[in-house]
Amino acid sequence: MRFFALLFFASVAFGKDADLCDANEIMIASCFFDEPQRRILSICADKGGEEIFYRFGRKDKVELSTAFSRNKKISRWIDLGTYTTYFGFRVGKYSYIFGIPEEAYGAKAFLKVKKNQDEIMSRECTENTFGEKLMAAPSINDVDDEIIRDSGFIFPPR
């Protein structure tokens, strides 16, 4: 009985802030970071996948929000060596890479931010939610594993 009560309180505590997706969006992946701000990173899609949204921050204050479409796609790469799914994009000199590991006990997603290929931030998620990371969508550019390996693991591709 104690286990169910703990589970209930954990779901109440995290349920309302589990992701930054709108009610009518599909959650592709989401995670919490171990920091005082309790920020969340979420990748969300509209129902048809025409638009993908990358959001970072809190429900009450989204710090970074980027939209992707058929004309401006987010990249996705599945590392066939580790079965980690990566989502990434570039903004000027900056690269944002969100890694979602194979769904296994204890597996944690992570975020890496690079400036000119030099890592300037790395965060491991304390909790993550596995969503529809393999969703087919016109706003996602699927990059072949061989292309990333042949480029020296530069992701997202230029």
N, C-alpha and C. Protein backbone atom coordinates (compact mmCIF):
# COMPACT_ATOMS: atom_id res chain seq x y z
N MET A 1 0.82 -1.19 0.00
CA MET A 1 0.00 0.00 0.00
C MET A 1 0.86 1.26 0.00
N ARG A 2 1.96 1.23 0.73
CA ARG A 2 2.85 2.38 0.80
C ARG A 2 3.43 2.71 -0.58
N PHE A 3 3.77 1.65 -1.35
CA PHE A 3 4.31 1.82 -2.70
C PHE A 3 3.34 2.59 -3.59
N PHE A 4 2.05 2.21 -3.55
CA PHE A 4 1.06 2.87 -4.38
C PHE A 4 0.86 4.33 -3.97
N ALA A 5 0.92 4.61 -2.68
CA ALA A 5 0.81 5.99 -2.22
C ALA A 5 1.99 6.81 -2.71
N LEU A 6 3.19 6.24 -2.65
CA LEU A 6 4.39 6.93 -3.12
C LEU A 6 4.30 7.18 -4.63
N LEU A 7 3.84 6.18 -5.35
CA LEU A 7 3.67 6.30 -6.80
C LEU A 7 2.64 7.38 -7.13
N PHE A 8 1.55 7.42 -6.37
CA PHE A 8 0.52 8.43 -6.59
C PHE A 8 1.08 9.83 -6.37
N PHE A 9 1.78 10.04 -5.26
CA PHE A 9 2.33 11.36 -4.97
C PHE A 9 3.40 11.76 -5.97
N ALA A 10 4.20 10.81 -6.43
CA ALA A 10 5.20 11.11 -7.45
C ALA A 10 4.54 11.53 -8.75
N SER A 11 3.44 10.87 -9.13
CA SER A 11 2.76 11.24 -10.37
C SER A 11 2.07 12.59 -10.24
N VAL A 12 1.56 12.90 -9.04
CA VAL A 12 0.96 14.22 -8.84
C VAL A 12 2.04 15.29 -8.90
N ALA A 13 3.20 15.03 -8.29
CA ALA A 13 4.28 16.01 -8.26
C ALA A 13 4.84 16.28 -9.64
N PHE A 14 5.00 15.23 -10.47
CA PHE A 14 5.61 15.41 -11.77
C PHE A 14 4.60 15.47 -12.90
N GLY A 15 3.38 15.00 -12.68
CA GLY A 15 2.39 14.90 -13.75
C GLY A 15 2.07 16.21 -14.42
N LYS A 16 1.85 17.27 -13.65
CA LYS A 16 1.46 18.54 -14.25
C LYS A 16 2.60 19.22 -14.98
N ASP A 17 3.84 18.89 -14.63
CA ASP A 17 5.00 19.49 -15.26
C ASP A 17 5.85 18.46 -16.00
N ALA A 18 5.26 17.35 -16.42
CA ALA A 18 6.01 16.26 -17.02
C ALA A 18 6.64 16.65 -18.35
N ASP A 19 6.05 17.59 -19.05
CA ASP A 19 6.62 18.03 -20.31
C ASP A 19 6.13 19.44 -20.62
N LEU A 20 6.68 20.00 -21.67
CA LEU A 20 6.31 21.36 -22.11
C LEU A 20 5.43 21.32 -23.36
N CYS A 21 4.82 20.18 -23.62
CA CYS A 21 3.95 20.05 -24.79
C CYS A 21 2.56 20.62 -24.46
N ASP A 22 1.93 21.19 -25.48
CA ASP A 22 0.55 21.63 -25.33
C ASP A 22 -0.36 20.41 -25.31
N ALA A 23 -1.56 20.59 -24.81
CA ALA A 23 -2.50 19.48 -24.67
C ALA A 23 -2.81 18.78 -26.00
N ASN A 24 -2.77 19.50 -27.10
CA ASN A 24 -3.10 18.91 -28.40
C ASN A 24 -1.86 18.42 -29.17
N GLU A 25 -0.71 18.36 -28.50
CA GLU A 25 0.53 17.92 -29.16
C GLU A 25 0.92 16.52 -28.68
N ILE A 26 1.73 15.87 -29.50
CA ILE A 26 2.27 14.55 -29.18
C ILE A 26 3.66 14.76 -28.59
N MET A 27 3.91 14.15 -27.44
CA MET A 27 5.22 14.26 -26.81
C MET A 27 6.16 13.24 -27.46
N ILE A 28 7.24 13.73 -28.04
CA ILE A 28 8.24 12.86 -28.66
C ILE A 28 9.22 12.38 -27.58
N ALA A 29 9.67 13.30 -26.75
CA ALA A 29 10.55 12.98 -25.62
C ALA A 29 10.57 14.17 -24.69
N SER A 30 10.85 13.89 -23.42
CA SER A 30 10.90 14.95 -22.43
C SER A 30 11.74 14.50 -21.25
N CYS A 31 12.38 15.46 -20.57
CA CYS A 31 13.15 15.10 -19.39
C CYS A 31 13.32 16.28 -18.44
N PHE A 32 13.59 15.95 -17.18
CA PHE A 32 13.89 16.93 -16.13
C PHE A 32 15.39 16.96 -15.91
N PHE A 33 15.92 18.13 -15.54
CA PHE A 33 17.34 18.26 -15.22
C PHE A 33 17.51 18.46 -13.72
N ASP A 34 18.61 17.93 -13.18
CA ASP A 34 18.92 18.06 -11.77
C ASP A 34 19.56 19.41 -11.51
N GLU A 35 18.73 20.37 -11.22
CA GLU A 35 19.18 21.73 -10.96
C GLU A 35 18.09 22.44 -10.17
N PRO A 36 18.44 23.48 -9.47
CA PRO A 36 17.45 24.19 -8.65
C PRO A 36 16.24 24.70 -9.44
N GLN A 37 16.44 25.09 -10.71
CA GLN A 37 15.35 25.63 -11.52
C GLN A 37 14.33 24.57 -11.95
N ARG A 38 14.71 23.28 -11.86
CA ARG A 38 13.84 22.17 -12.30
C ARG A 38 13.36 22.38 -13.74
N ARG A 39 14.32 22.71 -14.61
CA ARG A 39 13.95 22.92 -16.01
C ARG A 39 13.69 21.59 -16.71
N ILE A 40 12.94 21.71 -17.78
CA ILE A 40 12.49 20.57 -18.58
C ILE A 40 12.90 20.82 -20.03
N LEU A 41 13.25 19.76 -20.73
CA LEU A 41 13.44 19.83 -22.18
C LEU A 41 12.38 18.92 -22.79
N SER A 42 11.64 19.44 -23.73
CA SER A 42 10.60 18.64 -24.41
C SER A 42 10.69 18.84 -25.91
N ILE A 43 10.50 17.75 -26.62
CA ILE A 43 10.31 17.82 -28.06
C ILE A 43 8.89 17.33 -28.31
N CYS A 44 8.10 18.17 -28.97
CA CYS A 44 6.67 17.92 -29.16
C CYS A 44 6.33 18.06 -30.64
N ALA A 45 5.25 17.44 -31.05
CA ALA A 45 4.80 17.53 -32.44
C ALA A 45 3.31 17.79 -32.48
N ASP A 46 2.90 18.53 -33.51
CA ASP A 46 1.47 18.64 -33.72
C ASP A 46 0.98 17.28 -34.21
N LYS A 47 -0.30 17.07 -34.26
CA LYS A 47 -0.86 15.74 -34.54
C LYS A 47 -0.37 15.13 -35.86
N GLY A 48 -0.16 15.92 -36.88
CA GLY A 48 0.30 15.39 -38.16
C GLY A 48 1.80 15.42 -38.34
N GLY A 49 2.53 15.94 -37.38
CA GLY A 49 3.98 16.02 -37.50
C GLY A 49 4.44 17.12 -38.45
N GLU A 50 3.51 17.98 -38.85
CA GLU A 50 3.88 19.09 -39.74
C GLU A 50 4.82 20.06 -39.03
N GLU A 51 4.64 20.20 -37.72
CA GLU A 51 5.52 21.04 -36.92
C GLU A 51 6.03 20.27 -35.71
N ILE A 52 7.31 20.47 -35.45
CA ILE A 52 7.97 19.90 -34.27
C ILE A 52 8.44 21.09 -33.44
N PHE A 53 8.33 20.97 -32.13
CA PHE A 53 8.73 22.06 -31.24
C PHE A 53 9.76 21.57 -30.24
N TYR A 54 10.84 22.30 -30.12
CA TYR A 54 11.88 22.05 -29.12
C TYR A 54 11.69 23.14 -28.08
N ARG A 55 11.44 22.72 -26.83
CA ARG A 55 11.21 23.70 -25.76
C ARG A 55 12.08 23.36 -24.56
N PHE A 56 12.67 24.40 -23.97
CA PHE A 56 13.53 24.24 -22.81
C PHE A 56 13.17 25.31 -21.78
N GLY A 57 12.95 24.90 -20.56
CA GLY A 57 12.62 25.83 -19.49
C GLY A 57 11.64 25.21 -18.52
N ARG A 58 10.70 26.01 -18.07
CA ARG A 58 9.65 25.54 -17.17
C ARG A 58 8.30 25.91 -17.78
N LYS A 59 7.24 25.33 -17.23
CA LYS A 59 5.89 25.65 -17.72
C LYS A 59 5.63 27.14 -17.64
N ASP A 60 6.08 27.77 -16.56
CA ASP A 60 5.82 29.20 -16.37
C ASP A 60 6.81 30.10 -17.09
N LYS A 61 7.92 29.53 -17.61
CA LYS A 61 8.92 30.35 -18.31
C LYS A 61 9.74 29.49 -19.26
N VAL A 62 9.32 29.41 -20.50
CA VAL A 62 10.07 28.68 -21.52
C VAL A 62 11.22 29.59 -21.97
N GLU A 63 12.45 29.12 -21.82
CA GLU A 63 13.63 29.92 -22.13
C GLU A 63 14.05 29.83 -23.59
N LEU A 64 13.82 28.68 -24.19
CA LEU A 64 14.17 28.48 -25.60
C LEU A 64 13.07 27.67 -26.25
N SER A 65 12.52 28.21 -27.31
CA SER A 65 11.49 27.51 -28.07
C SER A 65 11.81 27.68 -29.55
N THR A 66 11.94 26.57 -30.23
CA THR A 66 12.25 26.58 -31.66
C THR A 66 11.26 25.68 -32.37
N ALA A 67 10.70 26.17 -33.46
CA ALA A 67 9.74 25.41 -34.25
C ALA A 67 10.41 24.90 -35.52
N PHE A 68 10.04 23.70 -35.92
CA PHE A 68 10.57 23.08 -37.13
C PHE A 68 9.41 22.69 -38.04
N SER A 69 9.67 22.75 -39.35
CA SER A 69 8.62 22.46 -40.34
C SER A 69 9.26 21.75 -41.54
N ARG A 70 8.49 21.58 -42.59
CA ARG A 70 9.02 20.97 -43.82
C ARG A 70 10.20 21.78 -44.38
N ASN A 71 10.17 23.09 -44.19
CA ASN A 71 11.21 23.96 -44.74
C ASN A 71 12.41 24.14 -43.80
N LYS A 72 12.21 23.88 -42.53
CA LYS A 72 13.27 24.01 -41.52
C LYS A 72 13.13 22.79 -40.60
N LYS A 73 13.87 21.73 -40.93
CA LYS A 73 13.70 20.45 -40.24
C LYS A 73 14.66 20.28 -39.07
N ILE A 74 14.21 19.54 -38.07
CA ILE A 74 15.09 19.08 -36.99
C ILE A 74 15.70 17.76 -37.48
N SER A 75 16.95 17.51 -37.14
CA SER A 75 17.62 16.27 -37.55
C SER A 75 17.43 15.19 -36.50
N ARG A 76 17.31 13.96 -36.98
CA ARG A 76 17.23 12.80 -36.09
C ARG A 76 18.20 11.75 -36.61
N TRP A 77 18.97 11.21 -35.69
CA TRP A 77 19.92 10.16 -36.02
C TRP A 77 19.78 9.05 -35.00
N ILE A 78 19.68 7.82 -35.46
CA ILE A 78 19.67 6.67 -34.57
C ILE A 78 21.04 6.02 -34.68
N ASP A 79 21.79 6.08 -33.58
CA ASP A 79 23.12 5.49 -33.51
C ASP A 79 22.95 3.98 -33.44
N LEU A 80 23.33 3.30 -34.50
CA LEU A 80 23.13 1.85 -34.57
C LEU A 80 24.08 1.08 -33.66
N GLY A 81 25.08 1.77 -33.10
CA GLY A 81 25.99 1.13 -32.15
C GLY A 81 25.41 1.10 -30.74
N THR A 82 24.63 2.11 -30.39
CA THR A 82 24.09 2.20 -29.02
C THR A 82 22.56 2.23 -28.98
N TYR A 83 21.93 2.37 -30.13
CA TYR A 83 20.48 2.53 -30.25
C TYR A 83 19.97 3.75 -29.49
N THR A 84 20.82 4.77 -29.43
CA THR A 84 20.42 6.06 -28.89
C THR A 84 19.86 6.87 -30.04
N THR A 85 18.73 7.52 -29.80
CA THR A 85 18.13 8.40 -30.80
C THR A 85 18.54 9.83 -30.46
N TYR A 86 19.09 10.52 -31.43
CA TYR A 86 19.53 11.90 -31.24
C TYR A 86 18.64 12.83 -32.06
N PHE A 87 18.25 13.94 -31.43
CA PHE A 87 17.60 15.03 -32.14
C PHE A 87 18.54 16.22 -32.04
N GLY A 88 18.71 16.94 -33.14
CA GLY A 88 19.63 18.06 -33.09
C GLY A 88 19.32 19.12 -34.12
N PHE A 89 19.82 20.32 -33.83
CA PHE A 89 19.68 21.43 -34.76
C PHE A 89 20.77 22.45 -34.46
N ARG A 90 20.96 23.35 -35.40
CA ARG A 90 21.96 24.41 -35.27
C ARG A 90 21.29 25.77 -35.32
N VAL A 91 21.83 26.68 -34.53
CA VAL A 91 21.44 28.09 -34.57
C VAL A 91 22.75 28.87 -34.57
N GLY A 92 23.12 29.39 -35.72
CA GLY A 92 24.40 30.09 -35.83
C GLY A 92 25.55 29.17 -35.47
N LYS A 93 26.37 29.57 -34.50
CA LYS A 93 27.53 28.80 -34.07
C LYS A 93 27.18 27.69 -33.09
N TYR A 94 25.92 27.62 -32.67
CA TYR A 94 25.50 26.70 -31.62
C TYR A 94 24.80 25.47 -32.17
N SER A 95 25.10 24.33 -31.55
CA SER A 95 24.43 23.06 -31.86
C SER A 95 23.76 22.57 -30.60
N TYR A 96 22.52 22.12 -30.74
CA TYR A 96 21.75 21.57 -29.63
C TYR A 96 21.48 20.11 -29.95
N ILE A 97 21.90 19.22 -29.03
CA ILE A 97 21.78 17.79 -29.26
C ILE A 97 21.11 17.15 -28.05
N PHE A 98 19.99 16.49 -28.30
CA PHE A 98 19.23 15.81 -27.25
C PHE A 98 19.31 14.32 -27.54
N GLY A 99 19.93 13.55 -26.64
CA GLY A 99 20.09 12.11 -26.81
C GLY A 99 19.09 11.35 -25.97
N ILE A 100 18.40 10.42 -26.60
CA ILE A 100 17.39 9.60 -25.93
C ILE A 100 17.83 8.15 -26.06
N PRO A 101 18.27 7.55 -24.95
CA PRO A 101 18.80 6.19 -25.03
C PRO A 101 17.71 5.16 -25.30
N GLU A 102 18.19 3.97 -25.62
CA GLU A 102 17.27 2.84 -25.77
C GLU A 102 16.49 2.71 -24.47
N GLU A 103 15.23 2.39 -24.58
CA GLU A 103 14.37 2.30 -23.39
C GLU A 103 14.76 1.08 -22.56
N ALA A 104 15.45 1.35 -21.47
CA ALA A 104 15.90 0.30 -20.56
C ALA A 104 15.92 0.86 -19.14
N TYR A 105 15.90 0.00 -18.16
CA TYR A 105 15.91 0.42 -16.78
C TYR A 105 17.14 1.27 -16.51
N GLY A 106 16.94 2.44 -15.94
CA GLY A 106 18.03 3.32 -15.58
C GLY A 106 18.56 4.18 -16.71
N ALA A 107 18.05 4.00 -17.91
CA ALA A 107 18.53 4.79 -19.05
C ALA A 107 18.07 6.23 -18.89
N LYS A 108 18.99 7.17 -19.12
CA LYS A 108 18.66 8.58 -18.96
C LYS A 108 19.04 9.36 -20.22
N ALA A 109 18.14 10.24 -20.58
CA ALA A 109 18.39 11.11 -21.72
C ALA A 109 19.39 12.20 -21.30
N PHE A 110 19.89 12.95 -22.27
CA PHE A 110 20.87 13.98 -21.97
C PHE A 110 20.82 15.08 -23.03
N LEU A 111 21.36 16.23 -22.65
CA LEU A 111 21.44 17.39 -23.53
C LEU A 111 22.89 17.82 -23.63
N LYS A 112 23.32 18.14 -24.84
CA LYS A 112 24.64 18.72 -25.06
C LYS A 112 24.45 19.95 -25.93
N VAL A 113 25.12 21.02 -25.55
CA VAL A 113 25.12 22.24 -26.34
C VAL A 113 26.57 22.53 -26.71
N LYS A 114 26.79 22.80 -27.99
CA LYS A 114 28.14 23.07 -28.48
C LYS A 114 28.18 24.43 -29.17
N LYS A 115 29.33 25.06 -29.07
CA LYS A 115 29.59 26.30 -29.80
C LYS A 115 30.82 26.03 -30.65
N ASN A 116 30.65 26.11 -31.96
CA ASN A 116 31.74 25.79 -32.89
C ASN A 116 32.34 24.41 -32.60
N GLN A 117 31.51 23.44 -32.35
CA GLN A 117 31.89 22.05 -32.08
C GLN A 117 32.55 21.83 -30.72
N ASP A 118 32.72 22.88 -29.91
CA ASP A 118 33.25 22.74 -28.56
C ASP A 118 32.08 22.67 -27.59
N GLU A 119 32.07 21.64 -26.75
CA GLU A 119 30.97 21.47 -25.81
C GLU A 119 31.00 22.57 -24.74
N ILE A 120 29.88 23.28 -24.60
CA ILE A 120 29.80 24.33 -23.59
C ILE A 120 28.81 23.98 -22.48
N MET A 121 27.99 22.97 -22.71
CA MET A 121 27.05 22.54 -21.69
C MET A 121 26.70 21.07 -21.89
N SER A 122 26.62 20.35 -20.79
CA SER A 122 26.22 18.95 -20.83
C SER A 122 25.38 18.68 -19.58
N ARG A 123 24.19 18.15 -19.78
CA ARG A 123 23.29 17.85 -18.67
C ARG A 123 22.69 16.46 -18.87
N GLU A 124 22.67 15.69 -17.79
CA GLU A 124 21.99 14.40 -17.81
C GLU A 124 20.63 14.58 -17.16
N CYS A 125 19.65 13.93 -17.69
CA CYS A 125 18.31 14.03 -17.14
C CYS A 125 18.20 13.19 -15.88
N THR A 126 17.42 13.69 -14.93
CA THR A 126 17.18 12.91 -13.72
C THR A 126 15.99 11.98 -13.94
N GLU A 127 15.06 12.43 -14.72
CA GLU A 127 13.89 11.64 -15.08
C GLU A 127 13.60 11.94 -16.53
N ASN A 128 13.20 10.95 -17.27
CA ASN A 128 12.81 11.20 -18.65
C ASN A 128 11.58 10.39 -19.00
N THR A 129 10.90 10.86 -20.00
CA THR A 129 9.71 10.21 -20.49
C THR A 129 9.96 9.80 -21.93
N PHE A 130 9.81 8.53 -22.20
CA PHE A 130 9.98 8.04 -23.57
C PHE A 130 8.67 8.23 -24.29
N GLY A 131 8.67 9.04 -25.31
CA GLY A 131 7.46 9.31 -26.08
C GLY A 131 7.54 8.64 -27.44
N GLU A 132 7.13 9.37 -28.43
CA GLU A 132 7.08 8.86 -29.81
C GLU A 132 8.34 9.26 -30.57
N LYS A 133 9.51 8.87 -30.05
CA LYS A 133 10.78 9.31 -30.63
C LYS A 133 11.00 8.80 -32.06
N LEU A 134 10.29 7.78 -32.46
CA LEU A 134 10.44 7.23 -33.82
C LEU A 134 9.34 7.70 -34.76
N MET A 135 8.56 8.66 -34.32
CA MET A 135 7.45 9.19 -35.11
C MET A 135 7.93 9.65 -36.49
N ALA A 136 7.23 9.23 -37.54
CA ALA A 136 7.53 9.72 -38.88
C ALA A 136 6.85 11.08 -39.04
N ALA A 137 7.61 12.05 -39.51
CA ALA A 137 7.06 13.40 -39.65
C ALA A 137 7.80 14.15 -40.75
N PRO A 138 7.08 14.95 -41.53
CA PRO A 138 7.73 15.72 -42.60
C PRO A 138 8.67 16.81 -42.08
N SER A 139 8.61 17.12 -40.79
CA SER A 139 9.48 18.15 -40.22
C SER A 139 10.73 17.56 -39.57
N ILE A 140 10.93 16.24 -39.74
CA ILE A 140 12.12 15.57 -39.21
C ILE A 140 12.97 15.08 -40.37
N ASN A 141 14.26 15.43 -40.34
CA ASN A 141 15.22 14.95 -41.32
C ASN A 141 15.96 13.77 -40.72
N ASP A 142 15.64 12.56 -41.17
CA ASP A 142 16.33 11.37 -40.67
C ASP A 142 17.68 11.25 -41.37
N VAL A 143 18.73 11.22 -40.56
CA VAL A 143 20.10 11.17 -41.07
C VAL A 143 20.61 9.74 -40.90
N ASP A 144 21.16 9.19 -41.97
CA ASP A 144 21.65 7.82 -41.97
C ASP A 144 22.85 7.69 -41.03
N ASP A 145 22.89 6.60 -40.29
CA ASP A 145 23.97 6.33 -39.35
C ASP A 145 25.34 6.41 -40.02
N GLU A 146 25.45 5.89 -41.22
CA GLU A 146 26.72 5.87 -41.94
C GLU A 146 27.23 7.28 -42.23
N ILE A 147 26.33 8.21 -42.53
CA ILE A 147 26.73 9.59 -42.81
C ILE A 147 27.37 10.22 -41.57
N ILE A 148 26.77 10.00 -40.41
CA ILE A 148 27.32 10.57 -39.17
C ILE A 148 28.67 9.92 -38.85
N ARG A 149 28.78 8.62 -38.99
CA ARG A 149 30.04 7.93 -38.71
C ARG A 149 31.13 8.39 -39.67
N ASP A 150 30.81 8.53 -40.95
CA ASP A 150 31.80 8.96 -41.94
C ASP A 150 32.25 10.41 -41.75
N SER A 151 31.42 11.22 -41.07
CA SER A 151 31.78 12.63 -40.87
C SER A 151 32.55 12.84 -39.57
N GLY A 152 32.90 11.77 -38.88
CA GLY A 152 33.59 11.91 -37.60
C GLY A 152 32.63 12.21 -36.47
N PHE A 153 31.40 11.75 -36.62
CA PHE A 153 30.33 11.91 -35.61
C PHE A 153 29.92 13.37 -35.42
N ILE A 154 29.91 14.13 -36.49
CA ILE A 154 29.42 15.50 -36.41
C ILE A 154 27.90 15.46 -36.58
N PHE A 155 27.24 15.85 -35.51
CA PHE A 155 25.78 15.88 -35.51
C PHE A 155 25.34 17.12 -34.72
N PRO A 156 24.34 17.82 -35.19
CA PRO A 156 23.63 17.63 -36.46
C PRO A 156 24.52 17.99 -37.64
N PRO A 157 24.23 17.37 -38.78
CA PRO A 157 25.04 17.65 -39.96
C PRO A 157 24.89 19.10 -40.41
N ARG A 158 25.86 19.58 -41.07
CA ARG A 158 25.82 20.98 -41.55
C ARG A 158 24.98 21.10 -42.78
